[in-house]
Amino acid sequence: MPKKSPNETSPVAHFEQSLEELEQLVQKMETGELSLEQSLAAYERGVGLYRQCQQALEQAELRVRLLTDPAQPDRSEPFEQAGDVD
């Protein structure tokens, strides 16, 4: 297995870093102490982080589907949402 360079991070680590940064941005914005310009910049950064996290989750779901049934990943059932339990 090839070694990763020190600058490469795993998708899971990248997801966790993005999520942590997103949580910190939300906390800063909730305090109301940021200027309008700072709030807009934080919001813009937050949207980018949210999209990165969403993409990482979609890739993780695809990997699980491929591992579950590599021959037919499209036929696998979607994961249940937290509120979907009967």
Protein backbone atom coordinates (compact mmCIF):
# COMPACT_ATOMS: atom_id res chain seq x y z
CA MET A 1 0.00 0.00 0.00
CA PRO A 2 1.49 3.38 -0.97
CA LYS A 3 2.25 5.83 1.81
CA LYS A 4 0.40 9.11 1.91
CA SER A 5 2.34 12.31 1.91
CA PRO A 6 2.19 14.33 5.15
CA ASN A 7 -0.05 16.90 3.44
CA GLU A 8 -2.66 14.28 2.47
CA THR A 9 -5.38 13.67 5.02
CA SER A 10 -7.95 10.92 4.97
CA PRO A 11 -11.50 11.85 3.94
CA VAL A 12 -12.63 11.09 7.49
CA ALA A 13 -10.02 13.40 9.02
CA HIS A 14 -10.85 16.10 6.47
CA PHE A 15 -14.55 15.72 7.28
CA GLU A 16 -13.89 16.00 11.00
CA GLN A 17 -11.71 19.10 10.55
CA SER A 18 -14.34 20.75 8.34
CA LEU A 19 -17.13 19.93 10.77
CA GLU A 20 -15.13 21.29 13.71
CA GLU A 21 -14.39 24.53 11.84
CA LEU A 22 -18.05 24.82 10.85
CA GLU A 23 -19.14 24.41 14.48
CA GLN A 24 -16.68 27.11 15.55
CA LEU A 25 -18.00 29.49 12.90
CA VAL A 26 -21.57 28.93 14.05
CA GLN A 27 -20.59 29.65 17.66
CA LYS A 28 -18.90 32.90 16.64
CA MET A 29 -21.90 33.97 14.59
CA GLU A 30 -24.32 33.15 17.40
CA THR A 31 -22.54 35.50 19.81
CA GLY A 32 -23.53 38.47 17.67
CA GLU A 33 -20.10 40.05 18.11
CA LEU A 34 -19.04 39.84 14.45
CA SER A 35 -19.43 42.80 12.13
CA LEU A 36 -21.68 42.45 9.12
CA GLU A 37 -18.67 41.93 6.85
CA GLN A 38 -17.22 39.31 9.19
CA SER A 39 -20.61 37.59 9.43
CA LEU A 40 -20.92 37.44 5.65
CA ALA A 41 -17.39 36.02 5.32
CA ALA A 42 -18.12 33.45 8.05
CA TYR A 43 -21.40 32.50 6.37
CA GLU A 44 -19.68 32.08 3.00
CA ARG A 45 -16.96 29.92 4.57
CA GLY A 46 -19.63 27.93 6.41
CA VAL A 47 -21.49 27.16 3.19
CA GLY A 48 -18.25 25.87 1.66
CA LEU A 49 -17.53 23.72 4.70
CA TYR A 50 -21.09 22.37 4.70
CA ARG A 51 -20.73 21.34 1.06
CA GLN A 52 -17.40 19.62 1.79
CA CYS A 53 -18.97 17.70 4.67
CA GLN A 54 -21.99 16.72 2.58
CA GLN A 55 -19.75 15.49 -0.23
CA ALA A 56 -17.62 13.46 2.21
CA LEU A 57 -20.77 11.85 3.64
CA GLU A 58 -22.03 10.98 0.16
CA GLN A 59 -18.67 9.40 -0.69
CA ALA A 60 -18.74 7.40 2.55
CA GLU A 61 -22.25 6.15 1.77
CA LEU A 62 -21.15 5.11 -1.72
CA ARG A 63 -18.16 3.23 -0.29
CA VAL A 64 -20.45 1.37 2.12
CA ARG A 65 -22.82 0.49 -0.74
CA LEU A 66 -19.94 -0.79 -2.85
CA LEU A 67 -18.65 -2.87 0.04
CA THR A 68 -22.12 -4.24 0.75
CA ASP A 69 -22.85 -5.30 -2.84
CA PRO A 70 -20.02 -4.48 -5.27
CA ALA A 71 -21.86 -6.09 -8.18
CA GLN A 72 -24.99 -3.96 -7.84
CA PRO A 73 -24.44 -0.81 -5.76
CA ASP A 74 -27.50 0.87 -7.32
CA ARG A 75 -29.81 -1.84 -5.96
CA SER A 76 -28.74 -1.38 -2.35
CA GLU A 77 -31.21 0.27 -0.02
CA PRO A 78 -30.59 3.86 1.15
CA PHE A 79 -29.71 4.41 4.76
CA GLU A 80 -32.60 5.23 7.07
CA GLN A 81 -32.71 8.79 8.32
CA ALA A 82 -32.60 9.31 12.10
CA GLY A 83 -36.35 9.96 12.29
CA ASP A 84 -37.37 7.14 9.91
CA VAL A 85 -37.35 4.29 12.43
CA ASP A 86 -40.75 2.62 12.62
